[in-house]
């Protein structure tokens, strides 16, 4: 390896480390702050305590918002997985005009600024009476989550050997039976990964949720935003720490599921070869 390449690679490593430190640095502040005994956000904490974690589990506003987020996230996960998988099949296997336009439309929600999307949704949902309702949150979050399922499942379908489907149908299986017994088991890791991303998207979404939330129905991210905007509530630090751990665990699970799916696909290709 030449000196210039070695220096270039070392520079990239240093840049990656500095970027990671810059992104992770706030975490090193939030986590210790959540164990602070003070009524203000202090770092470093002068005295350790679990009072703000206790405050979260004993305050009805925090508990109800967390339960709302969990309920919405589970509904969104199911709906996004079903709709996203069907959409991915239509994009990858479909033969119809303007297929590229349909594909672009499916991923448009993650390209449009969420503030614009939230304002548009609020204007429509206000007329339909869907603001401050669980159904309203589910509909919006599902629209935001479907693209992640479409992307994951589409990549699996592109690499899937469709000759297996043709063999099943040649033996008498209809399209639905072929999908359930042949296609779905092979793309299931990607579907599961997309579903996990959908849950994370819903559970962490705050911008569009602010437009739909109110005194009757709110979500955990909106409650956290209110805890920072209206009053500096150290409970926010405790909630942030718990959400951080949950999000990291879900991302790690999604990555593991996708890795297992990729390894399974590689083994299948090797066996066919």
Protein backbone atom coordinates (compact mmCIF):
# COMPACT_ATOMS: atom_id res chain seq x y z
CA UNK A 1 0.00 0.00 0.00
CA UNK A 2 1.40 3.37 -1.04
CA UNK A 3 1.91 6.22 1.42
CA UNK A 4 -0.74 8.39 -0.23
CA UNK A 5 -3.37 5.65 -0.01
CA UNK A 6 -2.43 4.95 3.61
CA UNK A 7 -2.77 8.64 4.48
CA UNK A 8 -6.07 8.85 2.63
CA UNK A 9 -7.49 5.85 4.44
CA UNK A 10 -6.24 7.15 7.79
CA UNK A 11 -7.86 10.51 7.05
CA UNK A 12 -11.18 8.83 6.30
CA UNK A 13 -10.99 6.86 9.55
CA UNK A 14 -10.26 10.01 11.55
CA UNK A 15 -13.10 11.85 9.82
CA UNK A 16 -15.51 8.99 10.52
CA UNK A 17 -14.50 8.90 14.20
CA UNK A 18 -14.89 12.67 14.58
CA UNK A 19 -18.28 12.58 12.88
CA UNK A 20 -19.43 9.75 15.16
CA UNK A 21 -18.23 11.61 18.25
CA UNK A 22 -20.01 14.77 17.09
CA UNK A 23 -23.27 12.89 16.58
CA UNK A 24 -23.05 10.81 19.74
CA UNK A 25 -21.78 13.57 22.04
CA UNK A 26 -25.29 14.80 22.99
CA UNK A 27 -26.10 11.26 24.14
CA UNK A 28 -23.29 11.40 26.67
CA UNK A 29 -24.99 14.49 28.08
CA UNK A 30 -28.60 13.28 28.08
CA UNK A 31 -27.99 9.92 29.75
CA UNK A 32 -26.17 11.20 32.87
CA UNK A 33 -28.57 14.14 33.09
CA UNK A 34 -31.51 11.75 33.35
CA UNK A 35 -30.13 10.51 36.69
CA UNK A 36 -29.91 14.04 38.09
CA UNK A 37 -31.62 14.81 41.42
CA UNK A 38 -31.97 18.51 40.61
CA UNK A 39 -35.19 20.10 39.35
CA UNK A 40 -33.21 21.55 36.46
CA UNK A 41 -31.23 20.01 33.64
CA UNK A 42 -27.70 19.90 35.04
CA UNK A 43 -24.59 18.31 33.64
CA UNK A 44 -22.69 16.76 35.25
CA UNK A 45 -25.24 15.72 37.88
CA UNK A 46 -24.31 16.71 41.41
CA UNK A 47 -26.38 13.96 43.00
CA UNK A 48 -27.68 10.79 41.38
CA UNK A 49 -31.35 9.88 41.58
CA UNK A 50 -34.10 7.98 39.78
CA UNK A 51 -36.74 10.60 40.57
CA UNK A 52 -37.31 11.57 36.92
CA UNK A 53 -37.83 7.97 35.86
CA UNK A 54 -40.32 7.66 38.71
CA UNK A 55 -41.93 10.90 37.53
CA UNK A 56 -42.47 9.40 34.08
CA UNK A 57 -44.18 6.26 35.35
CA UNK A 58 -46.37 8.10 37.87
CA UNK A 59 -47.48 11.05 35.72
CA UNK A 60 -50.70 10.21 33.79
CA UNK A 61 -49.82 12.64 30.99
CA UNK A 62 -46.53 10.87 30.26
CA UNK A 63 -47.99 7.38 30.63
CA UNK A 64 -51.01 8.09 28.41
CA UNK A 65 -48.86 9.67 25.70
CA UNK A 66 -46.51 6.66 25.78
CA UNK A 67 -49.45 4.24 25.51
CA UNK A 68 -50.85 6.27 22.61
CA UNK A 69 -47.50 6.13 20.80
CA UNK A 70 -47.28 2.38 21.38
CA UNK A 71 -50.82 1.78 20.13
CA UNK A 72 -50.32 3.97 17.07
CA UNK A 73 -46.93 2.39 16.35
CA UNK A 74 -48.33 -1.15 16.42
CA UNK A 75 -51.20 -0.27 14.08
CA UNK A 76 -48.80 1.52 11.74
CA UNK A 77 -46.43 -1.45 11.76
CA UNK A 78 -49.15 -3.86 10.64
CA UNK A 79 -50.67 -1.54 8.04
CA UNK A 80 -47.33 -0.40 6.62
CA UNK A 81 -46.06 -3.98 6.36
CA UNK A 82 -49.15 -5.12 4.45
CA UNK A 83 -49.49 -2.06 2.21
CA UNK A 84 -45.75 -1.70 1.65
CA UNK A 85 -45.32 -5.35 0.68
CA UNK A 86 -48.23 -5.16 -1.76
CA UNK A 87 -46.85 -1.93 -3.22
CA UNK A 88 -43.39 -3.45 -3.60
CA UNK A 89 -44.87 -6.39 -5.49
CA UNK A 90 -46.69 -4.00 -7.79
CA UNK A 91 -43.55 -1.96 -8.43
CA UNK A 92 -41.16 -4.87 -9.00
CA UNK A 93 -43.44 -7.41 -10.68
CA UNK A 94 -46.03 -5.15 -12.28
CA UNK A 95 -46.10 -4.39 -15.99
CA UNK A 96 -48.12 -1.24 -16.55
CA UNK A 97 -47.63 2.32 -17.85
CA UNK A 98 -46.07 4.98 -15.58
CA UNK A 99 -44.60 2.38 -13.25
CA UNK A 100 -41.65 4.70 -12.54
CA UNK A 101 -44.07 7.48 -11.58
CA UNK A 102 -45.92 5.15 -9.21
CA UNK A 103 -42.62 4.11 -7.63
CA UNK A 104 -41.65 7.75 -7.13
CA UNK A 105 -45.05 8.52 -5.63
CA UNK A 106 -44.68 5.72 -3.09
CA UNK A 107 -41.43 7.13 -1.69
CA UNK A 108 -42.56 10.78 -1.94
CA UNK A 109 -43.59 11.03 1.75
CA UNK A 110 -39.97 10.75 2.88
CA UNK A 111 -38.88 13.42 0.39
CA UNK A 112 -41.49 16.08 1.18
CA UNK A 113 -40.60 18.28 4.21
CA UNK A 114 -42.62 17.07 7.18
CA UNK A 115 -43.72 20.61 8.07
CA UNK A 116 -45.44 20.99 4.70
CA UNK A 117 -46.95 17.52 4.99
CA UNK A 118 -48.16 18.21 8.53
CA UNK A 119 -49.77 21.51 7.53
CA UNK A 120 -51.54 19.89 4.57
CA UNK A 121 -52.74 16.97 6.68
CA UNK A 122 -53.98 19.31 9.39
CA UNK A 123 -56.02 21.34 6.88
CA UNK A 124 -57.68 18.19 5.50
CA UNK A 125 -58.10 16.28 8.77
CA UNK A 126 -59.61 19.31 10.49
CA UNK A 127 -62.48 19.19 8.00
CA UNK A 128 -62.85 15.43 8.46
CA UNK A 129 -62.72 15.54 12.25
CA UNK A 130 -59.58 13.36 12.41
CA UNK A 131 -57.39 15.70 14.45
CA UNK A 132 -56.77 14.59 18.04
CA UNK A 133 -57.75 11.02 17.13
CA UNK A 134 -55.81 7.78 17.08
CA UNK A 135 -57.09 7.09 13.57
CA UNK A 136 -55.66 10.37 12.31
CA UNK A 137 -52.22 9.59 13.70
CA UNK A 138 -52.33 6.07 12.26
CA UNK A 139 -53.20 7.30 8.78
CA UNK A 140 -50.45 9.92 8.67
CA UNK A 141 -47.77 7.75 10.23
CA UNK A 142 -48.64 4.88 7.90
CA UNK A 143 -48.13 7.14 4.89
CA UNK A 144 -44.71 8.10 6.29
CA UNK A 145 -43.75 4.51 7.09
CA UNK A 146 -44.84 2.71 3.91
CA UNK A 147 -41.82 3.92 1.86
CA UNK A 148 -39.41 2.17 4.25
CA UNK A 149 -41.24 -1.12 3.77
CA UNK A 150 -41.38 -0.62 0.01
CA UNK A 151 -37.62 0.00 -0.19
CA UNK A 152 -36.74 -3.04 1.94
CA UNK A 153 -39.14 -5.46 0.26
CA UNK A 154 -38.33 -4.23 -3.26
CA UNK A 155 -34.65 -4.96 -2.76
CA UNK A 156 -35.53 -8.49 -1.64
CA UNK A 157 -37.86 -9.07 -4.60
CA UNK A 158 -35.26 -7.87 -7.10
CA UNK A 159 -32.77 -10.47 -5.86
CA UNK A 160 -35.41 -13.20 -5.47
CA UNK A 161 -35.31 -16.01 -8.03
CA UNK A 162 -38.78 -15.87 -9.62
CA UNK A 163 -38.21 -19.28 -11.17
CA UNK A 164 -39.28 -20.70 -7.82
CA UNK A 165 -42.67 -19.04 -8.26
CA UNK A 166 -42.97 -20.34 -11.83
CA UNK A 167 -42.16 -23.85 -10.63
CA UNK A 168 -44.85 -23.65 -7.93
CA UNK A 169 -47.49 -22.39 -10.37
CA UNK A 170 -46.55 -25.04 -12.90
CA UNK A 171 -47.37 -27.62 -10.23
CA UNK A 172 -50.88 -26.22 -9.81
CA UNK A 173 -50.51 -23.51 -7.15
CA UNK A 174 -52.41 -20.27 -7.73
CA UNK A 175 -50.77 -16.86 -7.34
CA UNK A 176 -51.94 -16.32 -3.76
CA UNK A 177 -50.80 -19.77 -2.63
CA UNK A 178 -47.46 -19.25 -4.41
CA UNK A 179 -46.93 -15.94 -2.66
CA UNK A 180 -47.82 -17.31 0.79
CA UNK A 181 -45.84 -20.56 0.51
CA UNK A 182 -42.89 -19.57 -1.70
CA UNK A 183 -42.36 -15.83 -2.03
CA UNK A 184 -43.26 -14.60 1.46
CA UNK A 185 -41.00 -17.00 3.39
CA UNK A 186 -38.05 -15.86 1.27
CA UNK A 187 -38.68 -12.12 1.61
CA UNK A 188 -39.92 -12.29 5.21
CA UNK A 189 -36.67 -10.92 6.72
CA UNK A 190 -36.96 -7.81 4.56
CA UNK A 191 -40.64 -7.45 5.44
CA UNK A 192 -39.78 -7.73 9.13
CA UNK A 193 -36.98 -5.18 8.78
CA UNK A 194 -39.32 -2.79 6.98
CA UNK A 195 -41.94 -3.29 9.70
CA UNK A 196 -39.39 -2.42 12.39
CA UNK A 197 -38.42 0.74 10.51
CA UNK A 198 -42.12 1.57 10.24
CA UNK A 199 -42.56 1.25 14.00
CA UNK A 200 -39.51 3.43 14.65
CA UNK A 201 -40.78 6.03 12.19
CA UNK A 202 -44.16 6.19 13.90
CA UNK A 203 -42.86 6.10 17.45
CA UNK A 204 -40.31 8.88 16.88
CA UNK A 205 -42.38 11.15 14.62
CA UNK A 206 -42.95 14.60 16.12
CA UNK A 207 -43.39 17.18 13.32
CA UNK A 208 -46.66 15.96 11.80
CA UNK A 209 -47.83 14.78 15.24
CA UNK A 210 -47.68 18.33 16.58
CA UNK A 211 -50.30 19.37 14.02
CA UNK A 212 -52.67 16.54 15.04
CA UNK A 213 -52.11 16.43 18.80
CA UNK A 214 -54.17 18.24 21.40
CA UNK A 215 -55.44 18.01 24.97
CA UNK A 216 -57.43 14.85 24.20
CA UNK A 217 -54.81 12.80 22.33
CA UNK A 218 -51.05 13.27 22.28
CA UNK A 219 -47.99 11.15 21.59
CA UNK A 220 -44.78 10.72 23.51
CA UNK A 221 -42.60 12.85 21.18
CA UNK A 222 -45.17 15.67 21.34
CA UNK A 223 -45.26 15.40 25.13
CA UNK A 224 -41.46 15.65 25.16
CA UNK A 225 -41.60 18.71 22.92
CA UNK A 226 -44.10 20.32 25.28
CA UNK A 227 -41.88 19.44 28.23
CA UNK A 228 -39.03 21.40 26.67
CA UNK A 229 -40.98 24.27 25.11
CA UNK A 230 -43.41 25.09 27.93
CA UNK A 231 -41.26 24.20 30.91
CA UNK A 232 -37.86 22.60 31.38
CA UNK A 233 -38.93 19.25 32.76
CA UNK A 234 -35.97 16.93 33.52
CA UNK A 235 -38.35 14.02 32.88
CA UNK A 236 -37.58 14.66 29.22
CA UNK A 237 -34.01 13.48 29.81
CA UNK A 238 -35.24 10.23 31.35
CA UNK A 239 -37.66 9.64 28.48
CA UNK A 240 -34.94 10.46 25.94
CA UNK A 241 -32.64 7.89 27.51
CA UNK A 242 -35.30 5.18 27.39
CA UNK A 243 -36.23 6.04 23.80
CA UNK A 244 -32.57 5.97 22.85
CA UNK A 245 -32.16 2.46 24.19
CA UNK A 246 -35.38 1.28 22.52
CA UNK A 247 -34.44 2.83 19.17
CA UNK A 248 -30.93 1.35 19.24
CA UNK A 249 -32.36 -2.07 20.07
CA UNK A 250 -34.88 -1.85 17.21
CA UNK A 251 -32.26 -0.68 14.71
CA UNK A 252 -29.93 -3.47 15.80
CA UNK A 253 -32.76 -5.98 15.42
CA UNK A 254 -33.63 -4.66 11.97
CA UNK A 255 -30.00 -4.88 10.90
CA UNK A 256 -29.71 -8.41 12.24
CA UNK A 257 -32.89 -9.49 10.47
CA UNK A 258 -31.69 -8.04 7.17
CA UNK A 259 -28.27 -9.65 7.60
CA UNK A 260 -29.88 -13.03 8.25
CA UNK A 261 -32.07 -12.56 5.19
CA UNK A 262 -29.07 -11.70 3.02
CA UNK A 263 -27.12 -14.70 4.29
CA UNK A 264 -30.12 -16.93 3.62
CA UNK A 265 -30.41 -15.61 0.07
CA UNK A 266 -26.71 -16.14 -0.54
CA UNK A 267 -26.94 -19.72 0.67
CA UNK A 268 -29.90 -20.34 -1.62
CA UNK A 269 -28.01 -18.95 -4.63
CA UNK A 270 -24.98 -21.06 -3.76
CA UNK A 271 -27.16 -24.15 -3.51
CA UNK A 272 -28.73 -23.44 -6.90
CA UNK A 273 -25.29 -22.95 -8.44
